[in-house]
C-alpha atoms as a PDB file:
ATOM      1  CA  UNK A   1      -7.123  -0.193  -1.146  1.00  0.00           C
ATOM      2  CA  UNK A   2      -4.662   2.217  -1.682  1.00  0.00           C
ATOM      3  CA  UNK A   3      -2.491   1.572  -4.668  1.00  0.00           C
ATOM      4  CA  UNK A   4      -0.167   4.710  -5.198  1.00  0.00           C
ATOM      5  CA  UNK A   5      -0.346   8.913  -5.213  1.00  0.00           C
ATOM      6  CA  UNK A   6      -0.352  11.386  -7.836  1.00  0.00           C
ATOM      7  CA  UNK A   7       3.116  13.324  -7.760  1.00  0.00           C
ATOM      8  CA  UNK A   8       2.262  15.861 -10.217  1.00  0.00           C
ATOM      9  CA  UNK A   9       1.720  16.587 -13.575  1.00  0.00           C
ATOM     10  CA  UNK A  10       3.438  15.354 -16.703  1.00  0.00           C
ATOM     11  CA  UNK A  11       3.353  17.013 -19.754  1.00  0.00           C
ATOM     12  CA  UNK A  12       0.472  19.720 -20.973  1.00  0.00           C
ATOM     13  CA  UNK A  13      -2.112  17.264 -22.276  1.00  0.00           C
ATOM     14  CA  UNK A  14      -3.722  16.476 -18.848  1.00  0.00           C
ATOM     15  CA  UNK A  15      -1.098  13.477 -17.978  1.00  0.00           C
ATOM     16  CA  UNK A  16      -0.377  12.856 -14.058  1.00  0.00           C
ATOM     17  CA  UNK A  17       2.617  11.314 -13.101  1.00  0.00           C
ATOM     18  CA  UNK A  18       1.946   8.451 -10.209  1.00  0.00           C
ATOM     19  CA  UNK A  19       4.182   6.565  -7.433  1.00  0.00           C
ATOM     20  CA  UNK A  20       2.902   3.574  -7.912  1.00  0.00           C
ATOM     21  CA  UNK A  21       3.102   1.344  -4.667  1.00  0.00           C
ATOM     22  CA  UNK A  22       2.802  -1.912  -6.239  1.00  0.00           C
ATOM     23  CA  UNK A  23       5.638  -4.701  -6.064  1.00  0.00           C
ATOM     24  CA  UNK A  24       5.851  -3.939  -9.884  1.00  0.00           C
ATOM     25  CA  UNK A  25       5.131   0.005 -10.515  1.00  0.00           C
ATOM     26  CA  UNK A  26       3.471  -0.715 -13.394  1.00  0.00           C
ATOM     27  CA  UNK A  27       1.220  -3.128 -11.917  1.00  0.00           C
ATOM     28  CA  UNK A  28      -0.830  -0.227 -11.110  1.00  0.00           C
ATOM     29  CA  UNK A  29      -1.397   0.361 -14.558  1.00  0.00           C
ATOM     30  CA  UNK A  30      -3.744  -2.907 -14.683  1.00  0.00           C
ATOM     31  CA  UNK A  31      -6.631  -1.131 -13.269  1.00  0.00           C
ATOM     32  CA  UNK A  32      -8.901   0.972 -15.539  1.00  0.00           C
ATOM     33  CA  UNK A  33     -10.901   2.492 -12.954  1.00  0.00           C
ATOM     34  CA  UNK A  34      -9.390   4.454 -10.166  1.00  0.00           C
ATOM     35  CA  UNK A  35     -10.533   6.118  -7.255  1.00  0.00           C
ATOM     36  CA  UNK A  36      -8.793   9.601  -6.069  1.00  0.00           C
ATOM     37  CA  UNK A  37      -9.122  10.575  -2.420  1.00  0.00           C
ATOM     38  CA  UNK A  38      -7.587  14.018  -1.441  1.00  0.00           C
ATOM     39  CA  UNK A  39      -9.004  15.734   1.633  1.00  0.00           C
ATOM     40  CA  UNK A  40     -12.055  17.437  -0.342  1.00  0.00           C
ATOM     41  CA  UNK A  41     -13.098  14.254  -0.873  1.00  0.00           C
ATOM     42  CA  UNK A  42     -13.066  11.181  -3.544  1.00  0.00           C
ATOM     43  CA  UNK A  43     -13.494  11.226  -6.997  1.00  0.00           C
ATOM     44  CA  UNK A  44     -13.910   8.153  -9.683  1.00  0.00           C
ATOM     45  CA  UNK A  45     -11.778   8.243 -12.885  1.00  0.00           C
ATOM     46  CA  UNK A  46     -11.538   5.975 -15.663  1.00  0.00           C
ATOM     47  CA  UNK A  47      -7.449   5.472 -17.081  1.00  0.00           C
ATOM     48  CA  UNK A  48      -7.686   6.034 -20.433  1.00  0.00           C
ATOM     49  CA  UNK A  49      -4.308   5.322 -21.338  1.00  0.00           C
ATOM     50  CA  UNK A  50      -0.560   4.750 -18.661  1.00  0.00           C
ATOM     51  CA  UNK A  51       3.012   3.962 -19.168  1.00  0.00           C
ATOM     52  CA  UNK A  52       5.981   3.543 -16.814  1.00  0.00           C
ATOM     53  CA  UNK A  53       8.260   6.791 -17.359  1.00  0.00           C
ATOM     54  CA  UNK A  54      11.864   6.571 -14.963  1.00  0.00           C
ATOM     55  CA  UNK A  55      11.099   5.583 -11.513  1.00  0.00           C
ATOM     56  CA  UNK A  56       7.081   6.326 -11.943  1.00  0.00           C
ATOM     57  CA  UNK A  57       4.198   5.656 -14.087  1.00  0.00           C
ATOM     58  CA  UNK A  58       2.068   8.179 -16.225  1.00  0.00           C
ATOM     59  CA  UNK A  59      -1.478   8.177 -16.719  1.00  0.00           C
ATOM     60  CA  UNK A  60      -4.314   9.904 -18.663  1.00  0.00           C
ATOM     61  CA  UNK A  61      -7.261  10.076 -16.813  1.00  0.00           C
ATOM     62  CA  UNK A  62     -10.783  11.024 -18.440  1.00  0.00           C
ATOM     63  CA  UNK A  63     -11.497  14.325 -18.086  1.00  0.00           C
ATOM     64  CA  UNK A  64      -8.424  15.616 -17.275  1.00  0.00           C
ATOM     65  CA  UNK A  65      -7.269  17.418 -20.473  1.00  0.00           C
ATOM     66  CA  UNK A  66      -4.688  20.360 -19.473  1.00  0.00           C
ATOM     67  CA  UNK A  67      -1.603  20.721 -16.955  1.00  0.00           C
ATOM     68  CA  UNK A  68      -3.696  22.885 -14.538  1.00  0.00           C
ATOM     69  CA  UNK A  69      -6.625  20.025 -13.924  1.00  0.00           C
ATOM     70  CA  UNK A  70      -3.528  17.330 -13.801  1.00  0.00           C
ATOM     71  CA  UNK A  71      -2.070  19.753 -11.299  1.00  0.00           C
ATOM     72  CA  UNK A  72      -5.041  19.762  -8.741  1.00  0.00           C
ATOM     73  CA  UNK A  73      -4.772  16.238  -8.864  1.00  0.00           C
ATOM     74  CA  UNK A  74      -1.340  16.269  -6.943  1.00  0.00           C
ATOM     75  CA  UNK A  75      -1.151  14.179  -3.668  1.00  0.00           C
ATOM     76  CA  UNK A  76      -4.445  12.425  -4.155  1.00  0.00           C
ATOM     77  CA  UNK A  77      -3.737   8.612  -3.418  1.00  0.00           C
ATOM     78  CA  UNK A  78      -4.719   6.482  -6.141  1.00  0.00           C
ATOM     79  CA  UNK A  79      -6.815   3.646  -5.166  1.00  0.00           C
ATOM     80  CA  UNK A  80      -9.117   0.496  -6.433  1.00  0.00           C
ATOM     81  CA  UNK A  81     -11.824  -1.160  -4.966  1.00  0.00           C
ATOM     82  CA  UNK A  82     -10.787  -4.573  -2.860  1.00  0.00           C
ATOM     83  CA  UNK A  83     -12.788  -6.611  -5.173  1.00  0.00           C
ATOM     84  CA  UNK A  84     -10.827  -5.674  -7.652  1.00  0.00           C
ATOM     85  CA  UNK A  85      -7.752  -6.914  -6.339  1.00  0.00           C
ATOM     86  CA  UNK A  86      -6.783 -10.478  -7.673  1.00  0.00           C
ATOM     87  CA  UNK A  87      -6.808 -13.176  -4.749  1.00  0.00           C
ATOM     88  CA  UNK A  88      -3.541 -13.918  -3.023  1.00  0.00           C
ATOM     89  CA  UNK A  89      -1.942 -16.888  -3.454  1.00  0.00           C
ATOM     90  CA  UNK A  90      -1.688 -19.233  -0.106  1.00  0.00           C
ATOM     91  CA  UNK A  91       0.809 -17.383   2.375  1.00  0.00           C
ATOM     92  CA  UNK A  92       0.659 -14.078   0.815  1.00  0.00           C
ATOM     93  CA  UNK A  93      -1.273 -11.363   2.044  1.00  0.00           C
ATOM     94  CA  UNK A  94      -2.165  -7.476   1.067  1.00  0.00           C
ATOM     95  CA  UNK A  95      -0.406  -5.128   3.248  1.00  0.00           C
ATOM     96  CA  UNK A  96      -3.969  -3.313   3.642  1.00  0.00           C
ATOM     97  CA  UNK A  97      -5.286  -6.631   5.140  1.00  0.00           C
ATOM     98  CA  UNK A  98      -2.272  -6.603   7.885  1.00  0.00           C
ATOM     99  CA  UNK A  99      -2.916  -3.060   8.848  1.00  0.00           C
ATOM    100  CA  UNK A 100      -4.523  -3.134  12.269  1.00  0.00           C
ATOM    101  CA  UNK A 101      -4.119  -6.551  13.420  1.00  0.00           C
ATOM    102  CA  UNK A 102      -2.607  -7.594  16.984  1.00  0.00           C
ATOM    103  CA  UNK A 103       0.572  -9.130  17.058  1.00  0.00           C
ATOM    104  CA  UNK A 104       1.633 -11.835  19.830  1.00  0.00           C
ATOM    105  CA  UNK A 105       4.111 -14.175  20.596  1.00  0.00           C
ATOM    106  CA  UNK A 106       3.833 -17.865  20.188  1.00  0.00           C
ATOM    107  CA  UNK A 107       3.959 -17.636  24.121  1.00  0.00           C
ATOM    108  CA  UNK A 108       0.851 -15.252  24.154  1.00  0.00           C
ATOM    109  CA  UNK A 109       1.937 -12.010  25.123  1.00  0.00           C
ATOM    110  CA  UNK A 110       0.685  -9.154  23.236  1.00  0.00           C
ATOM    111  CA  UNK A 111       3.181  -6.916  21.637  1.00  0.00           C
ATOM    112  CA  UNK A 112       0.848  -4.331  19.701  1.00  0.00           C
ATOM    113  CA  UNK A 113      -1.162  -3.629  16.871  1.00  0.00           C
ATOM    114  CA  UNK A 114       0.618  -3.219  12.945  1.00  0.00           C
ATOM    115  CA  UNK A 115       0.165   0.244  11.775  1.00  0.00           C
ATOM    116  CA  UNK A 116       2.127   0.009   8.556  1.00  0.00           C
ATOM    117  CA  UNK A 117       4.404  -2.145   6.717  1.00  0.00           C
ATOM    118  CA  UNK A 118       8.152  -1.221   5.444  1.00  0.00           C
ATOM    119  CA  UNK A 119       9.344  -2.746   2.103  1.00  0.00           C
ATOM    120  CA  UNK A 120      13.398  -3.117   2.699  1.00  0.00           C
ATOM    121  CA  UNK A 121      15.611  -4.794   0.910  1.00  0.00           C
ATOM    122  CA  UNK A 122      15.982  -8.130   2.590  1.00  0.00           C
ATOM    123  CA  UNK A 123      12.192  -8.463   3.940  1.00  0.00           C
ATOM    124  CA  UNK A 124       9.448  -6.314   4.854  1.00  0.00           C
ATOM    125  CA  UNK A 125       8.819  -5.182   8.464  1.00  0.00           C
ATOM    126  CA  UNK A 126       5.892  -4.808  10.458  1.00  0.00           C
ATOM    127  CA  UNK A 127       5.911  -1.504  12.476  1.00  0.00           C
ATOM    128  CA  UNK A 128       3.654  -1.730  15.334  1.00  0.00           C
ATOM    129  CA  UNK A 129       1.649   1.429  16.792  1.00  0.00           C
ATOM    130  CA  UNK A 130       2.724   3.394  19.463  1.00  0.00           C
ATOM    131  CA  UNK A 131       5.148   6.190  20.755  1.00  0.00           C
ATOM    132  CA  UNK A 132       8.424   4.779  19.008  1.00  0.00           C
ATOM    133  CA  UNK A 133       9.443   2.680  16.470  1.00  0.00           C
ATOM    134  CA  UNK A 134       8.642  -0.945  16.798  1.00  0.00           C
ATOM    135  CA  UNK A 135       9.882  -3.238  13.961  1.00  0.00           C
ATOM    136  CA  UNK A 136       9.545  -7.064  13.569  1.00  0.00           C
ATOM    137  CA  UNK A 137      10.852  -8.391  10.314  1.00  0.00           C
ATOM    138  CA  UNK A 138       8.148 -10.279   8.348  1.00  0.00           C
ATOM    139  CA  UNK A 139       9.917 -13.659   7.664  1.00  0.00           C
ATOM    140  CA  UNK A 140       7.275 -16.073   7.186  1.00  0.00           C
ATOM    141  CA  UNK A 141       7.678 -19.226   9.091  1.00  0.00           C
ATOM    142  CA  UNK A 142      10.864 -18.394  11.350  1.00  0.00           C
ATOM    143  CA  UNK A 143       9.923 -14.908  12.760  1.00  0.00           C
ATOM    144  CA  UNK A 144       5.967 -14.756  11.539  1.00  0.00           C
ATOM    145  CA  UNK A 145       4.845 -18.157  12.602  1.00  0.00           C
ATOM    146  CA  UNK A 146       1.048 -17.492  11.354  1.00  0.00           C
ATOM    147  CA  UNK A 147      -1.296 -14.825  10.393  1.00  0.00           C
ATOM    148  CA  UNK A 148      -5.011 -15.365  11.017  1.00  0.00           C
ATOM    149  CA  UNK A 149      -7.318 -12.408   9.245  1.00  0.00           C
ATOM    150  CA  UNK A 150     -10.288 -13.784  10.584  1.00  0.00           C
ATOM    151  CA  UNK A 151      -8.951 -13.668  13.990  1.00  0.00           C
ATOM    152  CA  UNK A 152      -7.309 -10.447  13.652  1.00  0.00           C
ATOM    153  CA  UNK A 153      -4.300 -11.596  14.798  1.00  0.00           C
ATOM    154  CA  UNK A 154      -0.234 -12.519  13.623  1.00  0.00           C
ATOM    155  CA  UNK A 155       1.658 -14.882  15.887  1.00  0.00           C
ATOM    156  CA  UNK A 156       4.989 -13.966  15.887  1.00  0.00           C
ATOM    157  CA  UNK A 157       8.373 -15.930  17.155  1.00  0.00           C
ATOM    158  CA  UNK A 158       9.787 -12.685  19.418  1.00  0.00           C
ATOM    159  CA  UNK A 159      10.988 -11.550  22.479  1.00  0.00           C
ATOM    160  CA  UNK A 160      10.567  -7.703  24.002  1.00  0.00           C
ATOM    161  CA  UNK A 161      14.156  -7.942  24.995  1.00  0.00           C
ATOM    162  CA  UNK A 162      15.118  -7.793  21.166  1.00  0.00           C
ATOM    163  CA  UNK A 163      13.970  -3.572  21.528  1.00  0.00           C
ATOM    164  CA  UNK A 164      15.580  -3.102  24.247  1.00  0.00           C
END
């Protein structure tokens, strides 16, 4: 599961700067084994040390000992094994578990498939796949009536006319 992205080098001793996607930015530092994914492939690395730095997190990775090596990792996705993540509380979901699910209205009308989610100030938004942005607020109980991960469906109280 992707938890962030390396945005560049930090300092001259091999530290990297990470844009964390976790709710609390330094939650990414709880994981001591990362999988870095770039176009060229993946590599597993151990996190030797990390700390919050401004709006980001910086980390020292095993085997990355100078600025040039750190700079080579820029753009890499920071991932962890799904099994390493804590279980969600009832009614909570990892975004990655919702991506790809079908979205239907309570009346059974198919609205589309969840492409990704957006964090917005008031609430998260479901973004449906397609040529134009179709957003549905993720408001549990009021709009999102049911999430069934086993069936691969999210049931919403929604009308297509809201998009017109």
